[in-house]
Amino acid sequence: GTNRVCAYGRKEVEQAGDAGAVETLLVGDTVVRDLAVERLMHGAEDARGKVVLVSPHHEAGAKLDGLGGVAALLRFPIK
């Protein structure tokens, strides 16, 4: 697999979070109260990452919903 500096969807974002690689976590408004997503948010904050909420009314928010509501920009690539 290729190394990427972005992670899309819950599984990839969780792996990035576990590796401490999440610099900016993008969270769709529609999933912000989901317990698993809350955990990702806390993990990102604990690792001094930023959490950005994305409105579903925004084009990026609609795309994010299609990815399970979460994506992340990473500090370093993970496999």
PDB file of N, CA and C in Angstrom:
ATOM      1  N   GLY A   1       0.825  -1.208   0.000  1.00  0.00           N
ATOM      2  CA  GLY A   1       0.000   0.000   0.000  1.00  0.00           C
ATOM      3  C   GLY A   1       0.850   1.243   0.000  1.00  0.00           C
ATOM      4  N   THR A   2       0.242   2.312  -0.438  1.00  0.00           N
ATOM      5  CA  THR A   2       0.969   3.577  -0.484  1.00  0.00           C
ATOM      6  C   THR A   2       0.821   4.312   0.840  1.00  0.00           C
ATOM      7  N   ASN A   3       1.806   5.097   1.159  1.00  0.00           N
ATOM      8  CA  ASN A   3       1.717   5.924   2.354  1.00  0.00           C
ATOM      9  C   ASN A   3       0.933   7.185   2.029  1.00  0.00           C
ATOM     10  N   ARG A   4      -0.015   7.525   2.897  1.00  0.00           N
ATOM     11  CA  ARG A   4      -0.834   8.700   2.654  1.00  0.00           C
ATOM     12  C   ARG A   4      -0.791   9.627   3.845  1.00  0.00           C
ATOM     13  N   VAL A   5      -1.013  10.891   3.572  1.00  0.00           N
ATOM     14  CA  VAL A   5      -1.047  11.851   4.668  1.00  0.00           C
ATOM     15  C   VAL A   5      -2.480  12.223   5.012  1.00  0.00           C
ATOM     16  N   CYS A   6      -3.437  11.470   4.464  1.00  0.00           N
ATOM     17  CA  CYS A   6      -4.839  11.625   4.828  1.00  0.00           C
ATOM     18  C   CYS A   6      -5.403  10.257   5.166  1.00  0.00           C
ATOM     19  N   ALA A   7      -6.385  10.229   6.034  1.00  0.00           N
ATOM     20  CA  ALA A   7      -7.092   8.994   6.344  1.00  0.00           C
ATOM     21  C   ALA A   7      -8.574   9.270   6.161  1.00  0.00           C
ATOM     22  N   TYR A   8      -9.274   8.312   5.558  1.00  0.00           N
ATOM     23  CA  TYR A   8     -10.702   8.478   5.297  1.00  0.00           C
ATOM     24  C   TYR A   8     -11.482   7.345   5.914  1.00  0.00           C
ATOM     25  N   GLY A   9     -12.602   7.657   6.535  1.00  0.00           N
ATOM     26  CA  GLY A   9     -13.450   6.619   7.107  1.00  0.00           C
ATOM     27  C   GLY A   9     -12.972   6.216   8.490  1.00  0.00           C
ATOM     28  N   ARG A  10     -13.856   5.575   9.207  1.00  0.00           N
ATOM     29  CA  ARG A  10     -13.574   5.301  10.623  1.00  0.00           C
ATOM     30  C   ARG A  10     -12.381   4.404  10.843  1.00  0.00           C
ATOM     31  N   LYS A  11     -12.291   3.322  10.055  1.00  0.00           N
ATOM     32  CA  LYS A  11     -11.228   2.347  10.294  1.00  0.00           C
ATOM     33  C   LYS A  11      -9.856   2.997  10.114  1.00  0.00           C
ATOM     34  N   GLU A  12      -9.685   3.703   8.995  1.00  0.00           N
ATOM     35  CA  GLU A  12      -8.401   4.351   8.723  1.00  0.00           C
ATOM     36  C   GLU A  12      -8.089   5.426   9.750  1.00  0.00           C
ATOM     37  N   VAL A  13      -9.106   6.218  10.096  1.00  0.00           N
ATOM     38  CA  VAL A  13      -8.887   7.300  11.063  1.00  0.00           C
ATOM     39  C   VAL A  13      -8.547   6.727  12.437  1.00  0.00           C
ATOM     40  N   GLU A  14      -9.196   5.619  12.798  1.00  0.00           N
ATOM     41  CA  GLU A  14      -8.864   4.969  14.072  1.00  0.00           C
ATOM     42  C   GLU A  14      -7.422   4.492  14.085  1.00  0.00           C
ATOM     43  N   GLN A  15      -6.976   3.894  12.986  1.00  0.00           N
ATOM     44  CA  GLN A  15      -5.591   3.426  12.904  1.00  0.00           C
ATOM     45  C   GLN A  15      -4.630   4.608  13.039  1.00  0.00           C
ATOM     46  N   ALA A  16      -4.950   5.701  12.373  1.00  0.00           N
ATOM     47  CA  ALA A  16      -4.103   6.897  12.457  1.00  0.00           C
ATOM     48  C   ALA A  16      -4.083   7.438  13.882  1.00  0.00           C
ATOM     49  N   GLY A  17      -5.248   7.420  14.519  1.00  0.00           N
ATOM     50  CA  GLY A  17      -5.343   7.891  15.900  1.00  0.00           C
ATOM     51  C   GLY A  17      -4.518   7.033  16.836  1.00  0.00           C
ATOM     52  N   ASP A  18      -4.584   5.729  16.636  1.00  0.00           N
ATOM     53  CA  ASP A  18      -3.804   4.809  17.469  1.00  0.00           C
ATOM     54  C   ASP A  18      -2.307   5.055  17.307  1.00  0.00           C
ATOM     55  N   ALA A  19      -1.911   5.486  16.115  1.00  0.00           N
ATOM     56  CA  ALA A  19      -0.497   5.749  15.838  1.00  0.00           C
ATOM     57  C   ALA A  19      -0.082   7.152  16.273  1.00  0.00           C
ATOM     58  N   GLY A  20      -1.057   7.944  16.774  1.00  0.00           N
ATOM     59  CA  GLY A  20      -0.762   9.321  17.184  1.00  0.00           C
ATOM     60  C   GLY A  20      -0.476  10.223  15.999  1.00  0.00           C
ATOM     61  N   ALA A  21      -1.005   9.866  14.834  1.00  0.00           N
ATOM     62  CA  ALA A  21      -0.668  10.582  13.606  1.00  0.00           C
ATOM     63  C   ALA A  21      -1.670  11.670  13.227  1.00  0.00           C
ATOM     64  N   VAL A  22      -2.786  11.762  13.955  1.00  0.00           N
ATOM     65  CA  VAL A  22      -3.837  12.710  13.554  1.00  0.00           C
ATOM     66  C   VAL A  22      -3.463  14.137  13.936  1.00  0.00           C
ATOM     67  N   GLU A  23      -3.295  14.967  12.919  1.00  0.00           N
ATOM     68  CA  GLU A  23      -3.017  16.381  13.161  1.00  0.00           C
ATOM     69  C   GLU A  23      -4.321  17.175  13.185  1.00  0.00           C
ATOM     70  N   THR A  24      -5.191  16.906  12.226  1.00  0.00           N
ATOM     71  CA  THR A  24      -6.495  17.549  12.163  1.00  0.00           C
ATOM     72  C   THR A  24      -7.552  16.495  11.877  1.00  0.00           C
ATOM     73  N   LEU A  25      -8.519  16.408  12.767  1.00  0.00           N
ATOM     74  CA  LEU A  25      -9.614  15.463  12.592  1.00  0.00           C
ATOM     75  C   LEU A  25     -10.811  16.230  12.055  1.00  0.00           C
ATOM     76  N   LEU A  26     -11.343  15.783  10.926  1.00  0.00           N
ATOM     77  CA  LEU A  26     -12.533  16.398  10.341  1.00  0.00           C
ATOM     78  C   LEU A  26     -13.727  15.524  10.700  1.00  0.00           C
ATOM     79  N   VAL A  27     -14.723  16.137  11.326  1.00  0.00           N
ATOM     80  CA  VAL A  27     -15.886  15.383  11.798  1.00  0.00           C
ATOM     81  C   VAL A  27     -17.151  16.007  11.243  1.00  0.00           C
ATOM     82  N   GLY A  28     -17.975  15.191  10.600  1.00  0.00           N
ATOM     83  CA  GLY A  28     -19.258  15.676  10.098  1.00  0.00           C
ATOM     84  C   GLY A  28     -20.223  15.897  11.246  1.00  0.00           C
ATOM     85  N   ASP A  29     -21.010  16.968  11.157  1.00  0.00           N
ATOM     86  CA  ASP A  29     -22.008  17.285  12.183  1.00  0.00           C
ATOM     87  C   ASP A  29     -22.937  16.118  12.484  1.00  0.00           C
ATOM     88  N   THR A  30     -23.204  15.295  11.471  1.00  0.00           N
ATOM     89  CA  THR A  30     -24.180  14.216  11.628  1.00  0.00           C
ATOM     90  C   THR A  30     -23.680  13.092  12.534  1.00  0.00           C
ATOM     91  N   VAL A  31     -22.364  12.991  12.744  1.00  0.00           N
ATOM     92  CA  VAL A  31     -21.842  11.878  13.551  1.00  0.00           C
ATOM     93  C   VAL A  31     -21.168  12.345  14.838  1.00  0.00           C
ATOM     94  N   VAL A  32     -21.239  13.651  15.121  1.00  0.00           N
ATOM     95  CA  VAL A  32     -20.467  14.199  16.239  1.00  0.00           C
ATOM     96  C   VAL A  32     -20.877  13.605  17.588  1.00  0.00           C
ATOM     97  N   ARG A  33     -22.113  13.118  17.708  1.00  0.00           N
ATOM     98  CA  ARG A  33     -22.558  12.549  18.990  1.00  0.00           C
ATOM     99  C   ARG A  33     -22.386  11.035  19.052  1.00  0.00           C
ATOM    100  N   ASP A  34     -21.860  10.461  17.996  1.00  0.00           N
ATOM    101  CA  ASP A  34     -21.585   9.029  17.962  1.00  0.00           C
ATOM    102  C   ASP A  34     -20.443   8.732  18.936  1.00  0.00           C
ATOM    103  N   LEU A  35     -20.638   7.732  19.801  1.00  0.00           N
ATOM    104  CA  LEU A  35     -19.633   7.452  20.841  1.00  0.00           C
ATOM    105  C   LEU A  35     -18.261   7.134  20.272  1.00  0.00           C
ATOM    106  N   ALA A  36     -18.222   6.347  19.190  1.00  0.00           N
ATOM    107  CA  ALA A  36     -16.937   5.991  18.591  1.00  0.00           C
ATOM    108  C   ALA A  36     -16.244   7.237  18.049  1.00  0.00           C
ATOM    109  N   VAL A  37     -17.027   8.147  17.502  1.00  0.00           N
ATOM    110  CA  VAL A  37     -16.464   9.383  16.955  1.00  0.00           C
ATOM    111  C   VAL A  37     -15.991  10.288  18.092  1.00  0.00           C
ATOM    112  N   GLU A  38     -16.750  10.325  19.182  1.00  0.00           N
ATOM    113  CA  GLU A  38     -16.319  11.107  20.356  1.00  0.00           C
ATOM    114  C   GLU A  38     -14.965  10.620  20.850  1.00  0.00           C
ATOM    115  N   ARG A  39     -14.799   9.292  20.824  1.00  0.00           N
ATOM    116  CA  ARG A  39     -13.519   8.716  21.251  1.00  0.00           C
ATOM    117  C   ARG A  39     -12.381   9.181  20.343  1.00  0.00           C
ATOM    118  N   LEU A  40     -12.648   9.187  19.037  1.00  0.00           N
ATOM    119  CA  LEU A  40     -11.648   9.665  18.077  1.00  0.00           C
ATOM    120  C   LEU A  40     -11.302  11.127  18.351  1.00  0.00           C
ATOM    121  N   MET A  41     -12.343  11.926  18.667  1.00  0.00           N
ATOM    122  CA  MET A  41     -12.128  13.350  18.929  1.00  0.00           C
ATOM    123  C   MET A  41     -11.257  13.556  20.166  1.00  0.00           C
ATOM    124  N   HIS A  42     -11.576  12.809  21.235  1.00  0.00           N
ATOM    125  CA  HIS A  42     -10.773  12.920  22.461  1.00  0.00           C
ATOM    126  C   HIS A  42      -9.336  12.482  22.210  1.00  0.00           C
ATOM    127  N   GLY A  43      -9.184  11.402  21.441  1.00  0.00           N
ATOM    128  CA  GLY A  43      -7.844  10.905  21.124  1.00  0.00           C
ATOM    129  C   GLY A  43      -7.031  11.930  20.357  1.00  0.00           C
ATOM    130  N   ALA A  44      -7.670  12.590  19.403  1.00  0.00           N
ATOM    131  CA  ALA A  44      -6.971  13.611  18.616  1.00  0.00           C
ATOM    132  C   ALA A  44      -6.560  14.774  19.511  1.00  0.00           C
ATOM    133  N   GLU A  45      -7.474  15.189  20.388  1.00  0.00           N
ATOM    134  CA  GLU A  45      -7.166  16.306  21.291  1.00  0.00           C
ATOM    135  C   GLU A  45      -6.059  15.937  22.261  1.00  0.00           C
ATOM    136  N   ASP A  46      -6.076  14.700  22.754  1.00  0.00           N
ATOM    137  CA  ASP A  46      -5.028  14.243  23.673  1.00  0.00           C
ATOM    138  C   ASP A  46      -3.663  14.282  23.000  1.00  0.00           C
ATOM    139  N   ALA A  47      -3.656  14.052  21.685  1.00  0.00           N
ATOM    140  CA  ALA A  47      -2.399  14.061  20.932  1.00  0.00           C
ATOM    141  C   ALA A  47      -2.106  15.466  20.377  1.00  0.00           C
ATOM    142  N   ARG A  48      -2.757  16.465  20.977  1.00  0.00           N
ATOM    143  CA  ARG A  48      -2.587  17.864  20.581  1.00  0.00           C
ATOM    144  C   ARG A  48      -2.950  18.115  19.115  1.00  0.00           C
ATOM    145  N   GLY A  49      -3.944  17.363  18.639  1.00  0.00           N
ATOM    146  CA  GLY A  49      -4.458  17.595  17.289  1.00  0.00           C
ATOM    147  C   GLY A  49      -5.636  18.543  17.349  1.00  0.00           C
ATOM    148  N   LYS A  50      -6.041  19.009  16.186  1.00  0.00           N
ATOM    149  CA  LYS A  50      -7.201  19.884  16.091  1.00  0.00           C
ATOM    150  C   LYS A  50      -8.398  19.055  15.667  1.00  0.00           C
ATOM    151  N   VAL A  51      -9.580  19.455  16.135  1.00  0.00           N
ATOM    152  CA  VAL A  51     -10.819  18.822  15.686  1.00  0.00           C
ATOM    153  C   VAL A  51     -11.634  19.896  14.977  1.00  0.00           C
ATOM    154  N   VAL A  52     -12.019  19.616  13.736  1.00  0.00           N
ATOM    155  CA  VAL A  52     -12.786  20.573  12.949  1.00  0.00           C
ATOM    156  C   VAL A  52     -14.135  19.955  12.610  1.00  0.00           C
ATOM    157  N   LEU A  53     -15.211  20.647  12.989  1.00  0.00           N
ATOM    158  CA  LEU A  53     -16.554  20.174  12.660  1.00  0.00           C
ATOM    159  C   LEU A  53     -16.945  20.708  11.297  1.00  0.00           C
ATOM    160  N   VAL A  54     -17.502  19.830  10.472  1.00  0.00           N
ATOM    161  CA  VAL A  54     -17.868  20.200   9.112  1.00  0.00           C
ATOM    162  C   VAL A  54     -19.377  20.102   8.948  1.00  0.00           C
ATOM    163  N   SER A  55     -19.986  21.190   8.528  1.00  0.00           N
ATOM    164  CA  SER A  55     -21.435  21.233   8.350  1.00  0.00           C
ATOM    165  C   SER A  55     -21.873  20.365   7.176  1.00  0.00           C
ATOM    166  N   PRO A  56     -22.994  19.640   7.340  1.00  0.00           N
ATOM    167  CA  PRO A  56     -23.490  18.819   6.244  1.00  0.00           C
ATOM    168  C   PRO A  56     -24.015  19.666   5.081  1.00  0.00           C
ATOM    169  N   HIS A  57     -24.241  20.958   5.330  1.00  0.00           N
ATOM    170  CA  HIS A  57     -24.749  21.844   4.282  1.00  0.00           C
ATOM    171  C   HIS A  57     -23.635  22.297   3.359  1.00  0.00           C
ATOM    172  N   HIS A  58     -22.405  22.024   3.758  1.00  0.00           N
ATOM    173  CA  HIS A  58     -21.230  22.386   2.976  1.00  0.00           C
ATOM    174  C   HIS A  58     -20.906  21.210   2.063  1.00  0.00           C
ATOM    175  N   GLU A  59     -20.386  21.468   0.883  1.00  0.00           N
ATOM    176  CA  GLU A  59     -20.072  20.393  -0.062  1.00  0.00           C
ATOM    177  C   GLU A  59     -19.103  19.380   0.558  1.00  0.00           C
ATOM    178  N   ALA A  60     -18.107  19.892   1.277  1.00  0.00           N
ATOM    179  CA  ALA A  60     -17.130  19.007   1.929  1.00  0.00           C
ATOM    180  C   ALA A  60     -17.829  18.141   2.969  1.00  0.00           C
ATOM    181  N   GLY A  61     -18.825  18.693   3.642  1.00  0.00           N
ATOM    182  CA  GLY A  61     -19.562  17.945   4.653  1.00  0.00           C
ATOM    183  C   GLY A  61     -20.343  16.793   4.040  1.00  0.00           C
ATOM    184  N   ALA A  62     -20.912  17.044   2.864  1.00  0.00           N
ATOM    185  CA  ALA A  62     -21.657  15.999   2.171  1.00  0.00           C
ATOM    186  C   ALA A  62     -20.713  14.871   1.761  1.00  0.00           C
ATOM    187  N   LYS A  63     -19.532  15.242   1.281  1.00  0.00           N
ATOM    188  CA  LYS A  63     -18.533  14.225   0.908  1.00  0.00           C
ATOM    189  C   LYS A  63     -18.094  13.450   2.144  1.00  0.00           C
ATOM    190  N   LEU A  64     -17.909  14.157   3.245  1.00  0.00           N
ATOM    191  CA  LEU A  64     -17.468  13.531   4.489  1.00  0.00           C
ATOM    192  C   LEU A  64     -18.490  12.499   4.960  1.00  0.00           C
ATOM    193  N   ASP A  65     -19.770  12.831   4.844  1.00  0.00           N
ATOM    194  CA  ASP A  65     -20.822  11.889   5.222  1.00  0.00           C
ATOM    195  C   ASP A  65     -20.687  10.588   4.448  1.00  0.00           C
ATOM    196  N   GLY A  66     -20.317  10.701   3.184  1.00  0.00           N
ATOM    197  CA  GLY A  66     -20.138   9.524   2.350  1.00  0.00           C
ATOM    198  C   GLY A  66     -18.962   8.661   2.792  1.00  0.00           C
ATOM    199  N   LEU A  67     -18.076   9.242   3.600  1.00  0.00           N
ATOM    200  CA  LEU A  67     -16.893   8.525   4.089  1.00  0.00           C
ATOM    201  C   LEU A  67     -17.090   8.055   5.537  1.00  0.00           C
ATOM    202  N   GLY A  68     -18.320   8.040   5.985  1.00  0.00           N
ATOM    203  CA  GLY A  68     -18.580   7.607   7.357  1.00  0.00           C
ATOM    204  C   GLY A  68     -18.496   8.743   8.353  1.00  0.00           C
ATOM    205  N   GLY A  69     -18.400   9.971   7.854  1.00  0.00           N
ATOM    206  CA  GLY A  69     -18.446  11.141   8.728  1.00  0.00           C
ATOM    207  C   GLY A  69     -17.117  11.591   9.295  1.00  0.00           C
ATOM    208  N   VAL A  70     -16.038  10.857   9.033  1.00  0.00           N
ATOM    209  CA  VAL A  70     -14.748  11.272   9.574  1.00  0.00           C
ATOM    210  C   VAL A  70     -13.621  11.130   8.556  1.00  0.00           C
ATOM    211  N   ALA A  71     -12.682  12.060   8.663  1.00  0.00           N
ATOM    212  CA  ALA A  71     -11.451  12.003   7.882  1.00  0.00           C
ATOM    213  C   ALA A  71     -10.385  12.709   8.715  1.00  0.00           C
ATOM    214  N   ALA A  72      -9.132  12.519   8.354  1.00  0.00           N
ATOM    215  CA  ALA A  72      -8.076  13.152   9.132  1.00  0.00           C
ATOM    216  C   ALA A  72      -6.911  13.541   8.242  1.00  0.00           C
ATOM    217  N   LEU A  73      -6.312  14.667   8.575  1.00  0.00           N
ATOM    218  CA  LEU A  73      -5.032  15.056   7.988  1.00  0.00           C
ATOM    219  C   LEU A  73      -3.977  14.580   8.967  1.00  0.00           C
ATOM    220  N   LEU A  74      -2.942  13.941   8.456  1.00  0.00           N
ATOM    221  CA  LEU A  74      -1.981  13.271   9.331  1.00  0.00           C
ATOM    222  C   LEU A  74      -0.661  14.027   9.442  1.00  0.00           C
ATOM    223  N   ARG A  75      -0.035  13.875  10.611  1.00  0.00           N
ATOM    224  CA  ARG A  75       1.293  14.469  10.848  1.00  0.00           C
ATOM    225  C   ARG A  75       2.354  13.759  10.017  1.00  0.00           C
ATOM    226  N   PHE A  76       2.151  12.447   9.858  1.00  0.00           N
ATOM    227  CA  PHE A  76       3.106  11.632   9.105  1.00  0.00           C
ATOM    228  C   PHE A  76       2.319  10.500   8.470  1.00  0.00           C
ATOM    229  N   PRO A  77       2.805   9.967   7.364  1.00  0.00           N
ATOM    230  CA  PRO A  77       2.072   8.895   6.685  1.00  0.00           C
ATOM    231  C   PRO A  77       2.044   7.623   7.512  1.00  0.00           C
ATOM    232  N   ILE A  78       0.937   6.911   7.419  1.00  0.00           N
ATOM    233  CA  ILE A  78       0.865   5.599   8.042  1.00  0.00           C
ATOM    234  C   ILE A  78       0.587   4.588   6.935  1.00  0.00           C
ATOM    235  N   LYS A  79       0.922   3.358   7.168  1.00  0.00           N
ATOM    236  CA  LYS A  79       0.704   2.343   6.121  1.00  0.00           C
ATOM    237  C   LYS A  79      -0.740   1.865   6.142  1.00  0.00           C
TER     238      LYS A  79
END
